[in-house]
Amino acid sequence: MALGQQGVSELLANVACHVDDPRCGLRLSRAEGNVLVEVLDRSGQPPRVGSRPNWSAERGRGLWLLREMADDFGYMPAPYPEGDGLRMGKVVWFSCRGAVPGAPAQ
């Protein structure tokens, strides 16, 4: 489940580094041996995942690596509550096969 832990860390680090408002939501779900990780943030900007990372750069490879290693990866616009209404943010998500550490076996 190292990919799941690495992926959660990457998505939360991206919120901390690239979103003006660091408040976010994290949802983990499991079904039929697959784990789905979703992070809701308060930015409507799509995540920047290049076609090829710059391997000599200090940053900019995390989402690319996650996309390549996960079974599925994506994002979608998503509303979040703000004051008396809703604003648009996004959910960045990935899925991978594997068990959740500490969860009972099925």
Protein backbone atom coordinates (compact mmCIF):
# COMPACT_ATOMS: atom_id res chain seq x y z
CA MET A 1 0.00 0.00 0.00
CA ALA A 2 3.03 2.26 -0.34
CA LEU A 3 1.49 3.81 -3.46
CA GLY A 4 -1.60 4.81 -1.49
CA GLN A 5 0.47 6.47 1.22
CA GLN A 6 2.74 8.19 -1.30
CA GLY A 7 -0.25 9.35 -3.31
CA VAL A 8 -2.04 10.83 -0.29
CA SER A 9 1.16 12.65 0.66
CA GLU A 10 1.58 14.01 -2.87
CA LEU A 11 -2.00 15.26 -3.19
CA LEU A 12 -1.95 16.96 0.22
CA ALA A 13 1.47 18.50 -0.48
CA ASN A 14 0.10 19.93 -3.72
CA VAL A 15 -2.73 21.61 -1.84
CA ALA A 16 -0.25 23.09 0.65
CA CYS A 17 2.07 24.35 -2.11
CA HIS A 18 -0.30 25.39 -4.91
CA VAL A 19 -3.65 26.41 -3.40
CA ASP A 20 -4.15 29.77 -1.69
CA ASP A 21 -6.53 28.29 0.90
CA PRO A 22 -4.97 25.18 2.47
CA ARG A 23 -8.27 23.80 3.80
CA CYS A 24 -9.08 20.58 2.00
CA GLY A 25 -10.91 17.30 2.36
CA LEU A 26 -9.56 13.76 2.12
CA ARG A 27 -11.74 10.75 1.39
CA LEU A 28 -10.57 7.13 1.23
CA SER A 29 -12.87 4.37 0.08
CA ARG A 30 -12.43 0.71 -0.68
CA ALA A 31 -14.39 -1.63 -2.91
CA GLU A 32 -13.55 -5.03 -4.36
CA GLY A 33 -9.85 -4.81 -3.52
CA ASN A 34 -9.43 -1.29 -4.93
CA VAL A 35 -8.70 1.85 -2.94
CA LEU A 36 -9.96 5.23 -4.13
CA VAL A 37 -8.27 8.36 -2.74
CA GLU A 38 -9.91 11.76 -3.30
CA VAL A 39 -8.68 15.19 -2.20
CA LEU A 40 -11.06 18.17 -2.49
CA ASP A 41 -9.35 21.54 -2.59
CA ARG A 42 -10.51 25.14 -2.98
CA SER A 43 -8.89 25.88 -6.33
CA GLY A 44 -10.72 25.59 -9.61
CA GLN A 45 -7.40 25.34 -11.47
CA PRO A 46 -6.69 21.90 -12.94
CA PRO A 47 -3.64 20.09 -11.60
CA ARG A 48 -0.54 20.50 -13.74
CA VAL A 49 0.63 17.10 -14.91
CA GLY A 50 3.15 17.37 -17.70
CA SER A 51 3.71 14.83 -20.43
CA ARG A 52 7.36 14.43 -19.38
CA PRO A 53 8.91 15.65 -16.16
CA ASN A 54 12.15 17.58 -15.98
CA TRP A 55 14.28 15.03 -14.12
CA SER A 56 16.90 17.61 -13.14
CA ALA A 57 14.33 19.96 -11.55
CA GLU A 58 13.77 19.93 -7.80
CA ARG A 59 9.97 19.86 -8.20
CA GLY A 60 7.26 18.98 -10.66
CA ARG A 61 7.38 15.19 -10.90
CA GLY A 62 5.00 14.07 -8.16
CA LEU A 63 1.67 14.10 -9.99
CA TRP A 64 3.28 12.67 -13.11
CA LEU A 65 4.72 9.77 -11.09
CA LEU A 66 1.40 9.22 -9.33
CA ARG A 67 -0.49 9.19 -12.64
CA GLU A 68 1.97 6.66 -14.08
CA MET A 69 1.92 4.36 -11.04
CA ALA A 70 -1.78 4.45 -10.12
CA ASP A 71 -4.34 2.25 -11.83
CA ASP A 72 -6.40 5.35 -12.58
CA PHE A 73 -5.94 9.09 -11.98
CA GLY A 74 -7.95 12.20 -12.69
CA TYR A 75 -9.66 15.32 -11.47
CA MET A 76 -13.05 16.95 -11.75
CA PRO A 77 -14.61 20.26 -10.73
CA ALA A 78 -16.39 20.05 -7.39
CA PRO A 79 -18.30 22.56 -5.26
CA TYR A 80 -17.43 23.39 -1.67
CA PRO A 81 -19.40 25.49 0.85
CA GLU A 82 -18.33 29.12 1.28
CA GLY A 83 -20.42 31.48 3.39
CA ASP A 84 -24.06 31.13 2.36
CA GLY A 85 -23.30 29.55 -0.99
CA LEU A 86 -21.05 27.28 -2.96
CA ARG A 87 -17.80 27.93 -4.81
CA MET A 88 -16.04 25.71 -7.28
CA GLY A 89 -12.94 23.80 -6.37
CA LYS A 90 -11.80 20.43 -7.61
CA VAL A 91 -11.29 16.84 -6.59
CA VAL A 92 -8.04 15.18 -7.58
CA TRP A 93 -8.25 11.41 -7.26
CA PHE A 94 -6.44 8.17 -7.93
CA SER A 95 -7.19 4.50 -7.48
CA CYS A 96 -4.98 1.51 -6.89
CA ARG A 97 -5.33 -2.15 -6.06
CA GLY A 98 -4.53 -3.16 -2.52
CA ALA A 99 -5.64 -3.50 1.04
CA VAL A 100 -6.03 -0.64 3.46
CA PRO A 101 -3.50 -1.03 6.31
CA GLY A 102 -5.25 -1.99 9.55
CA ALA A 103 -8.52 -2.85 7.82
CA PRO A 104 -10.04 -6.29 8.42
CA ALA A 105 -9.50 -8.78 5.61
CA GLN A 106 -12.52 -9.46 3.42
